[in-house]
């Protein structure tokens, strides 16, 4: 009886470990996505700043 209980508990623990990996997967994916978004946003903000500078110069020329 004792061996059967121990075996059952080990099986449950094994399945919980597998499920735990699946629970952590979205967190890891969100971290990598967040890193990608920050890199893209930095580049995008630099592009917007450059565009605004060009538009300011264009306005000065038009005056």
N, C-alpha and C. Protein backbone atom coordinates (compact mmCIF):
# COMPACT_ATOMS: atom_id res chain seq x y z
N UNK A 1 0.82 -1.19 0.00
CA UNK A 1 0.00 0.00 0.00
C UNK A 1 0.87 1.25 0.00
N UNK A 2 1.91 1.24 0.81
CA UNK A 2 2.79 2.40 0.92
C UNK A 2 3.49 2.68 -0.41
N UNK A 3 3.98 1.63 -1.07
CA UNK A 3 4.66 1.81 -2.36
C UNK A 3 3.72 2.38 -3.42
N UNK A 4 2.50 1.93 -3.38
CA UNK A 4 1.52 2.42 -4.35
C UNK A 4 1.26 3.92 -4.15
N UNK A 5 1.15 4.33 -2.91
CA UNK A 5 0.93 5.74 -2.59
C UNK A 5 2.13 6.59 -3.01
N UNK A 6 3.32 6.11 -2.73
CA UNK A 6 4.54 6.83 -3.11
C UNK A 6 4.62 6.95 -4.63
N UNK A 7 4.33 5.87 -5.33
CA UNK A 7 4.36 5.89 -6.79
C UNK A 7 3.33 6.88 -7.34
N UNK A 8 2.15 6.88 -6.77
CA UNK A 8 1.10 7.81 -7.21
C UNK A 8 1.53 9.25 -6.96
N UNK A 9 2.11 9.52 -5.82
CA UNK A 9 2.58 10.87 -5.52
C UNK A 9 3.69 11.31 -6.46
N UNK A 10 4.57 10.41 -6.83
CA UNK A 10 5.64 10.74 -7.79
C UNK A 10 5.06 11.06 -9.16
N UNK A 11 4.05 10.31 -9.56
CA UNK A 11 3.40 10.57 -10.86
C UNK A 11 2.75 11.95 -10.84
N UNK A 12 2.07 12.26 -9.75
CA UNK A 12 1.43 13.58 -9.63
C UNK A 12 2.48 14.68 -9.66
N UNK A 13 3.57 14.49 -8.94
CA UNK A 13 4.64 15.49 -8.92
C UNK A 13 5.24 15.69 -10.31
N UNK A 14 5.42 14.61 -11.04
CA UNK A 14 5.96 14.68 -12.40
C UNK A 14 5.04 15.51 -13.29
N UNK A 15 3.75 15.27 -13.21
CA UNK A 15 2.81 16.02 -14.04
C UNK A 15 2.72 17.47 -13.62
N UNK A 16 2.84 17.74 -12.34
CA UNK A 16 2.82 19.13 -11.87
C UNK A 16 4.04 19.89 -12.38
N UNK A 17 5.19 19.22 -12.41
CA UNK A 17 6.40 19.87 -12.94
C UNK A 17 6.22 20.21 -14.41
N UNK A 18 5.64 19.30 -15.18
CA UNK A 18 5.40 19.57 -16.60
C UNK A 18 4.44 20.74 -16.76
N UNK A 19 3.38 20.77 -15.97
CA UNK A 19 2.42 21.86 -16.06
C UNK A 19 3.03 23.18 -15.61
N UNK A 20 3.91 23.13 -14.64
CA UNK A 20 4.56 24.34 -14.15
C UNK A 20 5.36 25.01 -15.27
N UNK A 21 5.99 24.19 -16.11
CA UNK A 21 6.73 24.75 -17.24
C UNK A 21 5.78 25.49 -18.17
N UNK A 22 4.59 24.94 -18.38
CA UNK A 22 3.62 25.60 -19.25
C UNK A 22 3.11 26.89 -18.62
N UNK A 23 3.00 26.92 -17.30
CA UNK A 23 2.55 28.14 -16.63
C UNK A 23 3.61 29.23 -16.73
N UNK A 24 4.87 28.85 -16.75
CA UNK A 24 5.96 29.84 -16.84
C UNK A 24 6.16 30.34 -18.26
N UNK A 25 5.75 29.57 -19.26
CA UNK A 25 5.98 29.95 -20.66
C UNK A 25 5.41 31.32 -21.01
N UNK A 26 4.16 31.64 -20.66
CA UNK A 26 3.66 32.99 -21.00
C UNK A 26 4.47 34.10 -20.36
N UNK A 27 4.97 33.88 -19.14
CA UNK A 27 5.79 34.90 -18.48
C UNK A 27 7.08 35.15 -19.26
N UNK A 28 7.72 34.07 -19.69
CA UNK A 28 8.95 34.21 -20.48
C UNK A 28 8.66 34.90 -21.80
N UNK A 29 7.56 34.52 -22.43
CA UNK A 29 7.19 35.12 -23.71
C UNK A 29 6.90 36.61 -23.54
N UNK A 30 6.24 36.98 -22.46
CA UNK A 30 5.95 38.39 -22.21
C UNK A 30 7.23 39.18 -21.97
N UNK A 31 8.19 38.59 -21.29
CA UNK A 31 9.46 39.27 -21.06
C UNK A 31 10.19 39.52 -22.37
N UNK A 32 10.23 38.53 -23.24
CA UNK A 32 10.92 38.71 -24.52
C UNK A 32 10.16 39.71 -25.39
N UNK A 33 8.84 39.66 -25.36
CA UNK A 33 8.03 40.61 -26.12
C UNK A 33 8.23 42.03 -25.59
N UNK A 34 8.30 42.17 -24.28
CA UNK A 34 8.53 43.48 -23.68
C UNK A 34 9.88 44.05 -24.10
N UNK A 35 10.90 43.21 -24.15
CA UNK A 35 12.23 43.64 -24.59
C UNK A 35 12.19 44.10 -26.04
N UNK A 36 11.50 43.33 -26.89
CA UNK A 36 11.38 43.71 -28.30
C UNK A 36 10.63 45.03 -28.46
N UNK A 37 9.58 45.22 -27.68
CA UNK A 37 8.80 46.45 -27.76
C UNK A 37 9.64 47.65 -27.36
N UNK A 38 10.42 47.52 -26.29
CA UNK A 38 11.27 48.64 -25.86
C UNK A 38 12.31 48.99 -26.92
N UNK A 39 12.89 47.99 -27.55
CA UNK A 39 13.88 48.24 -28.60
C UNK A 39 13.22 48.93 -29.79
N UNK A 40 12.05 48.46 -30.19
CA UNK A 40 11.33 49.06 -31.31
C UNK A 40 10.92 50.49 -30.97
N UNK A 41 10.43 50.71 -29.76
CA UNK A 41 9.97 52.04 -29.36
C UNK A 41 11.12 53.04 -29.35
N UNK A 42 12.28 52.61 -28.89
CA UNK A 42 13.44 53.51 -28.87
C UNK A 42 13.79 53.94 -30.29
N UNK A 43 13.84 52.99 -31.21
CA UNK A 43 14.14 53.30 -32.60
C UNK A 43 13.05 54.18 -33.21
N UNK A 44 11.80 53.89 -32.91
CA UNK A 44 10.68 54.66 -33.43
C UNK A 44 10.73 56.11 -32.92
N UNK A 45 11.02 56.29 -31.65
CA UNK A 45 11.10 57.63 -31.07
C UNK A 45 12.23 58.44 -31.70
N UNK A 46 13.34 57.79 -32.00
CA UNK A 46 14.44 58.47 -32.68
C UNK A 46 14.01 58.91 -34.07
N UNK A 47 13.29 58.05 -34.77
CA UNK A 47 12.79 58.39 -36.10
C UNK A 47 11.82 59.56 -36.05
N UNK A 48 10.95 59.58 -35.06
CA UNK A 48 9.99 60.67 -34.90
C UNK A 48 10.72 61.97 -34.60
N UNK A 49 11.74 61.92 -33.74
CA UNK A 49 12.50 63.12 -33.41
C UNK A 49 13.19 63.67 -34.65
N UNK A 50 13.76 62.80 -35.46
CA UNK A 50 14.41 63.23 -36.70
C UNK A 50 13.40 63.87 -37.64
N UNK A 51 12.24 63.25 -37.77
CA UNK A 51 11.19 63.79 -38.63
C UNK A 51 10.72 65.16 -38.14
N UNK A 52 10.55 65.31 -36.84
CA UNK A 52 10.14 66.60 -36.30
C UNK A 52 11.18 67.67 -36.56
N UNK A 53 12.45 67.32 -36.45
CA UNK A 53 13.52 68.29 -36.74
C UNK A 53 13.47 68.71 -38.21
N UNK A 54 13.26 67.77 -39.10
CA UNK A 54 13.17 68.09 -40.52
C UNK A 54 11.97 68.99 -40.78
N UNK A 55 10.85 68.70 -40.15
CA UNK A 55 9.65 69.52 -40.33
C UNK A 55 9.86 70.94 -39.78
N UNK A 56 10.58 71.06 -38.66
CA UNK A 56 10.88 72.39 -38.11
C UNK A 56 11.74 73.18 -39.09
N UNK A 57 12.74 72.53 -39.66
CA UNK A 57 13.59 73.21 -40.64
C UNK A 57 12.78 73.59 -41.88
N UNK A 58 11.88 72.73 -42.29
CA UNK A 58 11.04 73.00 -43.45
C UNK A 58 10.14 74.21 -43.18
N UNK A 59 9.59 74.31 -41.98
CA UNK A 59 8.76 75.45 -41.61
C UNK A 59 9.57 76.75 -41.66
N UNK A 60 10.81 76.70 -41.19
CA UNK A 60 11.67 77.89 -41.22
C UNK A 60 11.93 78.32 -42.66
N UNK A 61 12.14 77.35 -43.53
CA UNK A 61 12.40 77.66 -44.94
C UNK A 61 11.15 78.27 -45.57
N UNK A 62 9.97 77.77 -45.22
CA UNK A 62 8.72 78.24 -45.80
C UNK A 62 8.37 79.66 -45.34
N UNK A 63 8.88 80.09 -44.20
CA UNK A 63 8.57 81.44 -43.69
C UNK A 63 9.34 82.46 -44.41
